[in-house]
Structures are given as C-alpha cells and as structure tokens.
C-alpha cells in the first residue's frame, strides 16, 4: 500500500483505516497495519486519537490486572495529566 494512495483518498485504504481503528491492534491483518502505519506518519488528529485510545486500552488492562482501586485511580490520574 502506498502512502500517496491513502493521502489521495483511496477508498480501500480509508476503509482499512476505519476498520482498524475499531479493532485491537493484535487483530490487524497486514493491510490494516500498513494503513495504520501511514496514519501515524501523517500526523493527523485521528492518529493522536488512536494513540490515546491505545494507551487507555493498555491502562485499563493494567488496572484490571492489579484489581486495586488505589492503583487504578493513580494510574488513571497519571494518564489524564
């Protein structure tokens, strides 16, 4: 997949981006990985939103694993700041 194709509004690439944003990155096929790599290099607001979503997903996983309200609250406050 070419970066220029995604920037030009290639419908298939845009569809890959939309589908990938809804999934867990471990479930991305190669085409979605390529599309998401392009998005990260593009510097768009949607790329920042995706990074925030992924970091919050990791935070939630850590909080669930700790099963401690104090740890969870501290981690969430750190993420917010």
PDB file of N, CA and C in Angstrom:
ATOM      1  N   UNK A   1       0.842  -1.166   0.000  1.00  0.00           N
ATOM      2  CA  UNK A   1       0.000   0.000   0.000  1.00  0.00           C
ATOM      3  C   UNK A   1       0.888   1.230   0.000  1.00  0.00           C
ATOM      4  N   UNK A   2       0.598   2.163  -0.814  1.00  0.00           N
ATOM      5  CA  UNK A   2       1.398   3.372  -0.947  1.00  0.00           C
ATOM      6  C   UNK A   2       0.816   4.474  -0.073  1.00  0.00           C
ATOM      7  N   UNK A   3       1.689   5.268   0.521  1.00  0.00           N
ATOM      8  CA  UNK A   3       1.232   6.382   1.343  1.00  0.00           C
ATOM      9  C   UNK A   3       0.462   7.391   0.511  1.00  0.00           C
ATOM     10  N   UNK A   4       0.909   7.626  -0.700  1.00  0.00           N
ATOM     11  CA  UNK A   4       0.222   8.592  -1.552  1.00  0.00           C
ATOM     12  C   UNK A   4      -1.198   8.146  -1.837  1.00  0.00           C
ATOM     13  N   UNK A   5      -1.403   6.847  -1.974  1.00  0.00           N
ATOM     14  CA  UNK A   5      -2.749   6.347  -2.251  1.00  0.00           C
ATOM     15  C   UNK A   5      -3.676   6.641  -1.085  1.00  0.00           C
ATOM     16  N   UNK A   6      -3.167   6.510   0.127  1.00  0.00           N
ATOM     17  CA  UNK A   6      -4.004   6.791   1.282  1.00  0.00           C
ATOM     18  C   UNK A   6      -4.293   8.277   1.386  1.00  0.00           C
ATOM     19  N   UNK A   7      -3.307   9.088   1.099  1.00  0.00           N
ATOM     20  CA  UNK A   7      -3.497  10.525   1.167  1.00  0.00           C
ATOM     21  C   UNK A   7      -4.434  11.036   0.094  1.00  0.00           C
ATOM     22  N   UNK A   8      -4.503  10.335  -1.019  1.00  0.00           N
ATOM     23  CA  UNK A   8      -5.356  10.749  -2.114  1.00  0.00           C
ATOM     24  C   UNK A   8      -6.806  10.332  -1.901  1.00  0.00           C
ATOM     25  N   UNK A   9      -7.088   9.625  -0.823  1.00  0.00           N
ATOM     26  CA  UNK A   9      -8.457   9.232  -0.538  1.00  0.00           C
ATOM     27  C   UNK A   9      -8.841   7.896  -1.156  1.00  0.00           C
ATOM     28  N   UNK A  10      -7.882   7.020  -1.345  1.00  0.00           N
ATOM     29  CA  UNK A  10      -8.145   5.691  -1.853  1.00  0.00           C
ATOM     30  C   UNK A  10      -9.199   5.038  -0.953  1.00  0.00           C
ATOM     31  N   UNK A  11     -10.339   4.653  -1.537  1.00  0.00           N
ATOM     32  CA  UNK A  11     -11.449   4.128  -0.727  1.00  0.00           C
ATOM     33  C   UNK A  11     -11.075   2.869   0.040  1.00  0.00           C
ATOM     34  N   UNK A  12     -10.292   2.000  -0.583  1.00  0.00           N
ATOM     35  CA  UNK A  12      -9.902   0.769   0.100  1.00  0.00           C
ATOM     36  C   UNK A  12      -9.029   1.078   1.307  1.00  0.00           C
ATOM     37  N   UNK A  13      -8.096   2.005   1.151  1.00  0.00           N
ATOM     38  CA  UNK A  13      -7.216   2.380   2.260  1.00  0.00           C
ATOM     39  C   UNK A  13      -8.010   3.031   3.378  1.00  0.00           C
ATOM     40  N   UNK A  14      -8.923   3.902   3.023  1.00  0.00           N
ATOM     41  CA  UNK A  14      -9.741   4.550   4.046  1.00  0.00           C
ATOM     42  C   UNK A  14     -10.593   3.533   4.796  1.00  0.00           C
ATOM     43  N   UNK A  15     -11.103   2.562   4.079  1.00  0.00           N
ATOM     44  CA  UNK A  15     -11.891   1.506   4.716  1.00  0.00           C
ATOM     45  C   UNK A  15     -11.015   0.700   5.674  1.00  0.00           C
ATOM     46  N   UNK A  16      -9.769   0.423   5.269  1.00  0.00           N
ATOM     47  CA  UNK A  16      -8.833  -0.298   6.145  1.00  0.00           C
ATOM     48  C   UNK A  16      -8.582   0.502   7.426  1.00  0.00           C
ATOM     49  N   UNK A  17      -8.433   1.813   7.285  1.00  0.00           N
ATOM     50  CA  UNK A  17      -8.209   2.664   8.456  1.00  0.00           C
ATOM     51  C   UNK A  17      -9.395   2.611   9.406  1.00  0.00           C
ATOM     52  N   UNK A  18     -10.588   2.752   8.871  1.00  0.00           N
ATOM     53  CA  UNK A  18     -11.787   2.751   9.711  1.00  0.00           C
ATOM     54  C   UNK A  18     -11.963   1.419  10.426  1.00  0.00           C
ATOM     55  N   UNK A  19     -11.754   0.340   9.717  1.00  0.00           N
ATOM     56  CA  UNK A  19     -11.893  -0.986  10.332  1.00  0.00           C
ATOM     57  C   UNK A  19     -10.826  -1.202  11.402  1.00  0.00           C
ATOM     58  N   UNK A  20      -9.612  -0.793  11.123  1.00  0.00           N
ATOM     59  CA  UNK A  20      -8.512  -0.993  12.072  1.00  0.00           C
ATOM     60  C   UNK A  20      -8.706  -0.178  13.343  1.00  0.00           C
ATOM     61  N   UNK A  21      -9.277   1.008  13.225  1.00  0.00           N
ATOM     62  CA  UNK A  21      -9.487   1.846  14.404  1.00  0.00           C
ATOM     63  C   UNK A  21     -10.469   1.213  15.382  1.00  0.00           C
ATOM     64  N   UNK A  22     -11.313   0.358  14.884  1.00  0.00           N
ATOM     65  CA  UNK A  22     -12.314  -0.284  15.741  1.00  0.00           C
ATOM     66  C   UNK A  22     -11.794  -1.555  16.399  1.00  0.00           C
ATOM     67  N   UNK A  23     -10.661  -2.066  15.929  1.00  0.00           N
ATOM     68  CA  UNK A  23     -10.144  -3.344  16.406  1.00  0.00           C
ATOM     69  C   UNK A  23      -8.968  -3.178  17.345  1.00  0.00           C
ATOM     70  N   UNK A  24      -8.696  -4.257  18.027  1.00  0.00           N
ATOM     71  CA  UNK A  24      -7.483  -4.362  18.821  1.00  0.00           C
ATOM     72  C   UNK A  24      -6.316  -4.557  17.840  1.00  0.00           C
ATOM     73  N   UNK A  25      -5.208  -3.861  18.022  1.00  0.00           N
ATOM     74  CA  UNK A  25      -4.081  -3.978  17.088  1.00  0.00           C
ATOM     75  C   UNK A  25      -3.567  -5.403  16.893  1.00  0.00           C
ATOM     76  N   UNK A  26      -3.757  -6.260  17.862  1.00  0.00           N
ATOM     77  CA  UNK A  26      -3.304  -7.644  17.697  1.00  0.00           C
ATOM     78  C   UNK A  26      -4.131  -8.382  16.657  1.00  0.00           C
ATOM     79  N   UNK A  27      -5.280  -7.829  16.289  1.00  0.00           N
ATOM     80  CA  UNK A  27      -6.156  -8.464  15.312  1.00  0.00           C
ATOM     81  C   UNK A  27      -6.043  -7.843  13.925  1.00  0.00           C
ATOM     82  N   UNK A  28      -5.117  -6.904  13.726  1.00  0.00           N
ATOM     83  CA  UNK A  28      -4.979  -6.242  12.435  1.00  0.00           C
ATOM     84  C   UNK A  28      -4.287  -7.156  11.436  1.00  0.00           C
ATOM     85  N   UNK A  29      -4.881  -7.347  10.252  1.00  0.00           N
ATOM     86  CA  UNK A  29      -4.164  -8.038   9.182  1.00  0.00           C
ATOM     87  C   UNK A  29      -3.115  -7.093   8.582  1.00  0.00           C
ATOM     88  N   UNK A  30      -2.222  -7.585   7.735  1.00  0.00           N
ATOM     89  CA  UNK A  30      -1.151  -6.747   7.184  1.00  0.00           C
ATOM     90  C   UNK A  30      -1.642  -5.471   6.493  1.00  0.00           C
ATOM     91  N   UNK A  31      -2.743  -5.536   5.768  1.00  0.00           N
ATOM     92  CA  UNK A  31      -3.241  -4.338   5.078  1.00  0.00           C
ATOM     93  C   UNK A  31      -3.639  -3.254   6.071  1.00  0.00           C
ATOM     94  N   UNK A  32      -4.241  -3.649   7.185  1.00  0.00           N
ATOM     95  CA  UNK A  32      -4.612  -2.661   8.198  1.00  0.00           C
ATOM     96  C   UNK A  32      -3.388  -2.136   8.925  1.00  0.00           C
ATOM     97  N   UNK A  33      -2.390  -2.964   9.121  1.00  0.00           N
ATOM     98  CA  UNK A  33      -1.132  -2.497   9.731  1.00  0.00           C
ATOM     99  C   UNK A  33      -0.496  -1.432   8.849  1.00  0.00           C
ATOM    100  N   UNK A  34      -0.478  -1.673   7.551  1.00  0.00           N
ATOM    101  CA  UNK A  34       0.089  -0.697   6.621  1.00  0.00           C
ATOM    102  C   UNK A  34      -0.689   0.611   6.671  1.00  0.00           C
ATOM    103  N   UNK A  35      -2.005   0.517   6.684  1.00  0.00           N
ATOM    104  CA  UNK A  35      -2.840   1.719   6.731  1.00  0.00           C
ATOM    105  C   UNK A  35      -2.611   2.491   8.026  1.00  0.00           C
ATOM    106  N   UNK A  36      -2.498   1.780   9.131  1.00  0.00           N
ATOM    107  CA  UNK A  36      -2.298   2.456  10.412  1.00  0.00           C
ATOM    108  C   UNK A  36      -0.898   3.058  10.505  1.00  0.00           C
ATOM    109  N   UNK A  37       0.085   2.406   9.919  1.00  0.00           N
ATOM    110  CA  UNK A  37       1.427   2.992   9.885  1.00  0.00           C
ATOM    111  C   UNK A  37       1.417   4.292   9.088  1.00  0.00           C
ATOM    112  N   UNK A  38       0.686   4.311   7.973  1.00  0.00           N
ATOM    113  CA  UNK A  38       0.559   5.543   7.198  1.00  0.00           C
ATOM    114  C   UNK A  38      -0.097   6.630   8.035  1.00  0.00           C
ATOM    115  N   UNK A  39      -1.140   6.267   8.754  1.00  0.00           N
ATOM    116  CA  UNK A  39      -1.856   7.245   9.578  1.00  0.00           C
ATOM    117  C   UNK A  39      -0.931   7.851  10.630  1.00  0.00           C
ATOM    118  N   UNK A  40      -0.123   7.024  11.276  1.00  0.00           N
ATOM    119  CA  UNK A  40       0.790   7.527  12.299  1.00  0.00           C
ATOM    120  C   UNK A  40       1.817   8.502  11.713  1.00  0.00           C
ATOM    121  N   UNK A  41       2.271   8.244  10.498  1.00  0.00           N
ATOM    122  CA  UNK A  41       3.234   9.135   9.856  1.00  0.00           C
ATOM    123  C   UNK A  41       2.573  10.405   9.331  1.00  0.00           C
ATOM    124  N   UNK A  42       1.270  10.374   9.101  1.00  0.00           N
ATOM    125  CA  UNK A  42       0.563  11.510   8.510  1.00  0.00           C
ATOM    126  C   UNK A  42       0.408  12.671   9.495  1.00  0.00           C
ATOM    127  N   UNK A  43       0.461  12.401  10.781  1.00  0.00           N
ATOM    128  CA  UNK A  43       0.363  13.462  11.777  1.00  0.00           C
ATOM    129  C   UNK A  43      -1.028  14.075  11.877  1.00  0.00           C
ATOM    130  N   UNK A  44      -2.059  13.315  11.584  1.00  0.00           N
ATOM    131  CA  UNK A  44      -3.429  13.814  11.661  1.00  0.00           C
ATOM    132  C   UNK A  44      -3.963  13.720  13.088  1.00  0.00           C
ATOM    133  N   UNK A  45      -5.031  14.462  13.353  1.00  0.00           N
ATOM    134  CA  UNK A  45      -5.652  14.404  14.675  1.00  0.00           C
ATOM    135  C   UNK A  45      -6.178  13.006  14.969  1.00  0.00           C
ATOM    136  N   UNK A  46      -6.618  12.306  13.953  1.00  0.00           N
ATOM    137  CA  UNK A  46      -7.112  10.945  14.164  1.00  0.00           C
ATOM    138  C   UNK A  46      -5.982  10.024  14.620  1.00  0.00           C
ATOM    139  N   UNK A  47      -4.764  10.294  14.213  1.00  0.00           N
ATOM    140  CA  UNK A  47      -3.622   9.495  14.672  1.00  0.00           C
ATOM    141  C   UNK A  47      -3.398   9.727  16.162  1.00  0.00           C
ATOM    142  N   UNK A  48      -3.516  10.950  16.591  1.00  0.00           N
ATOM    143  CA  UNK A  48      -3.366  11.255  18.028  1.00  0.00           C
ATOM    144  C   UNK A  48      -4.476  10.582  18.823  1.00  0.00           C
ATOM    145  N   UNK A  49      -5.694  10.636  18.301  1.00  0.00           N
ATOM    146  CA  UNK A  49      -6.822   9.989  18.973  1.00  0.00           C
ATOM    147  C   UNK A  49      -6.600   8.491  19.087  1.00  0.00           C
ATOM    148  N   UNK A  50      -6.047   7.902  18.046  1.00  0.00           N
ATOM    149  CA  UNK A  50      -5.777   6.467  18.080  1.00  0.00           C
ATOM    150  C   UNK A  50      -4.719   6.139  19.127  1.00  0.00           C
ATOM    151  N   UNK A  51      -3.673   6.946  19.203  1.00  0.00           N
ATOM    152  CA  UNK A  51      -2.639   6.717  20.230  1.00  0.00           C
ATOM    153  C   UNK A  51      -3.231   6.826  21.631  1.00  0.00           C
ATOM    154  N   UNK A  52      -4.112   7.794  21.831  1.00  0.00           N
ATOM    155  CA  UNK A  52      -4.752   7.943  23.138  1.00  0.00           C
ATOM    156  C   UNK A  52      -5.623   6.723  23.457  1.00  0.00           C
ATOM    157  N   UNK A  53      -6.355   6.255  22.471  1.00  0.00           N
ATOM    158  CA  UNK A  53      -7.210   5.081  22.658  1.00  0.00           C
ATOM    159  C   UNK A  53      -6.369   3.873  23.039  1.00  0.00           C
ATOM    160  N   UNK A  54      -5.247   3.677  22.336  1.00  0.00           N
ATOM    161  CA  UNK A  54      -4.397   2.524  22.619  1.00  0.00           C
ATOM    162  C   UNK A  54      -3.758   2.626  24.004  1.00  0.00           C
ATOM    163  N   UNK A  55      -3.349   3.825  24.386  1.00  0.00           N
ATOM    164  CA  UNK A  55      -2.744   3.959  25.716  1.00  0.00           C
ATOM    165  C   UNK A  55      -3.781   3.748  26.809  1.00  0.00           C
ATOM    166  N   UNK A  56      -5.009   4.183  26.578  1.00  0.00           N
ATOM    167  CA  UNK A  56      -6.068   3.955  27.554  1.00  0.00           C
ATOM    168  C   UNK A  56      -6.411   2.468  27.626  1.00  0.00           C
ATOM    169  N   UNK A  57      -6.353   1.780  26.501  1.00  0.00           N
ATOM    170  CA  UNK A  57      -6.597   0.333  26.485  1.00  0.00           C
ATOM    171  C   UNK A  57      -5.549  -0.389  27.332  1.00  0.00           C
ATOM    172  N   UNK A  58      -4.282   0.008  27.182  1.00  0.00           N
ATOM    173  CA  UNK A  58      -3.224  -0.595  27.989  1.00  0.00           C
ATOM    174  C   UNK A  58      -3.405  -0.280  29.468  1.00  0.00           C
ATOM    175  N   UNK A  59      -3.797   0.953  29.746  1.00  0.00           N
ATOM    176  CA  UNK A  59      -4.034   1.362  31.123  1.00  0.00           C
ATOM    177  C   UNK A  59      -5.137   0.521  31.752  1.00  0.00           C
ATOM    178  N   UNK A  60      -6.222   0.333  31.018  1.00  0.00           N
ATOM    179  CA  UNK A  60      -7.326  -0.466  31.535  1.00  0.00           C
ATOM    180  C   UNK A  60      -6.879  -1.900  31.822  1.00  0.00           C
ATOM    181  N   UNK A  61      -6.076  -2.458  30.910  1.00  0.00           N
ATOM    182  CA  UNK A  61      -5.580  -3.821  31.108  1.00  0.00           C
ATOM    183  C   UNK A  61      -4.740  -3.910  32.381  1.00  0.00           C
ATOM    184  N   UNK A  62      -3.892  -2.909  32.607  1.00  0.00           N
ATOM    185  CA  UNK A  62      -3.060  -2.904  33.819  1.00  0.00           C
ATOM    186  C   UNK A  62      -3.899  -2.741  35.070  1.00  0.00           C
ATOM    187  N   UNK A  63      -4.910  -1.873  34.994  1.00  0.00           N
ATOM    188  CA  UNK A  63      -5.770  -1.660  36.161  1.00  0.00           C
ATOM    189  C   UNK A  63      -6.567  -2.915  36.488  1.00  0.00           C
ATOM    190  N   UNK A  64      -7.064  -3.595  35.472  1.00  0.00           N
ATOM    191  CA  UNK A  64      -7.821  -4.824  35.691  1.00  0.00           C
ATOM    192  C   UNK A  64      -6.923  -5.901  36.301  1.00  0.00           C
ATOM    193  N   UNK A  65      -5.673  -5.942  35.870  1.00  0.00           N
ATOM    194  CA  UNK A  65      -4.747  -6.946  36.392  1.00  0.00           C
ATOM    195  C   UNK A  65      -4.394  -6.669  37.855  1.00  0.00           C
ATOM    196  N   UNK A  66      -4.289  -5.395  38.222  1.00  0.00           N
ATOM    197  CA  UNK A  66      -3.926  -5.064  39.602  1.00  0.00           C
ATOM    198  C   UNK A  66      -5.089  -5.298  40.552  1.00  0.00           C
ATOM    199  N   UNK A  67      -6.305  -5.084  40.089  1.00  0.00           N
ATOM    200  CA  UNK A  67      -7.515  -5.286  40.873  1.00  0.00           C
ATOM    201  C   UNK A  67      -7.460  -4.511  42.197  1.00  0.00           C
ATOM    202  N   UNK A  68      -6.887  -3.315  42.123  1.00  0.00           N
ATOM    203  CA  UNK A  68      -6.756  -2.470  43.314  1.00  0.00           C
ATOM    204  C   UNK A  68      -7.240  -1.068  42.954  1.00  0.00           C
ATOM    205  N   UNK A  69      -8.210  -0.577  43.704  1.00  0.00           N
ATOM    206  CA  UNK A  69      -8.797   0.721  43.399  1.00  0.00           C
ATOM    207  C   UNK A  69      -7.774   1.852  43.482  1.00  0.00           C
ATOM    208  N   UNK A  70      -6.905   1.824  44.462  1.00  0.00           N
ATOM    209  CA  UNK A  70      -5.916   2.884  44.624  1.00  0.00           C
ATOM    210  C   UNK A  70      -4.927   2.912  43.460  1.00  0.00           C
ATOM    211  N   UNK A  71      -4.482   1.753  43.045  1.00  0.00           N
ATOM    212  CA  UNK A  71      -3.555   1.665  41.913  1.00  0.00           C
ATOM    213  C   UNK A  71      -4.253   2.161  40.650  1.00  0.00           C
ATOM    214  N   UNK A  72      -5.489   1.747  40.468  1.00  0.00           N
ATOM    215  CA  UNK A  72      -6.246   2.144  39.286  1.00  0.00           C
ATOM    216  C   UNK A  72      -6.469   3.650  39.259  1.00  0.00           C
ATOM    217  N   UNK A  73      -6.844   4.214  40.380  1.00  0.00           N
ATOM    218  CA  UNK A  73      -7.080   5.654  40.445  1.00  0.00           C
ATOM    219  C   UNK A  73      -5.798   6.431  40.149  1.00  0.00           C
ATOM    220  N   UNK A  74      -4.682   6.004  40.718  1.00  0.00           N
ATOM    221  CA  UNK A  74      -3.405   6.669  40.474  1.00  0.00           C
ATOM    222  C   UNK A  74      -2.980   6.581  39.008  1.00  0.00           C
ATOM    223  N   UNK A  75      -3.164   5.407  38.424  1.00  0.00           N
ATOM    224  CA  UNK A  75      -2.790   5.231  37.020  1.00  0.00           C
ATOM    225  C   UNK A  75      -3.676   6.077  36.114  1.00  0.00           C
ATOM    226  N   UNK A  76      -4.959   6.146  36.416  1.00  0.00           N
ATOM    227  CA  UNK A  76      -5.869   6.945  35.598  1.00  0.00           C
ATOM    228  C   UNK A  76      -5.549   8.426  35.728  1.00  0.00           C
ATOM    229  N   UNK A  77      -5.266   8.893  36.903  1.00  0.00           N
ATOM    230  CA  UNK A  77      -4.913  10.307  37.088  1.00  0.00           C
ATOM    231  C   UNK A  77      -3.608  10.637  36.364  1.00  0.00           C
ATOM    232  N   UNK A  78      -2.670   9.723  36.372  1.00  0.00           N
ATOM    233  CA  UNK A  78      -1.420   9.919  35.642  1.00  0.00           C
ATOM    234  C   UNK A  78      -1.694   9.997  34.148  1.00  0.00           C
ATOM    235  N   UNK A  79      -2.573   9.139  33.639  1.00  0.00           N
ATOM    236  CA  UNK A  79      -2.910   9.128  32.219  1.00  0.00           C
ATOM    237  C   UNK A  79      -3.605  10.440  31.824  1.00  0.00           C
ATOM    238  N   UNK A  80      -4.489  10.907  32.678  1.00  0.00           N
ATOM    239  CA  UNK A  80      -5.228  12.146  32.383  1.00  0.00           C
ATOM    240  C   UNK A  80      -4.278  13.346  32.304  1.00  0.00           C
ATOM    241  N   UNK A  81      -3.308  13.371  33.207  1.00  0.00           N
ATOM    242  CA  UNK A  81      -2.393  14.529  33.201  1.00  0.00           C
ATOM    243  C   UNK A  81      -1.391  14.371  32.099  1.00  0.00           C
TER     244      UNK A  81
END
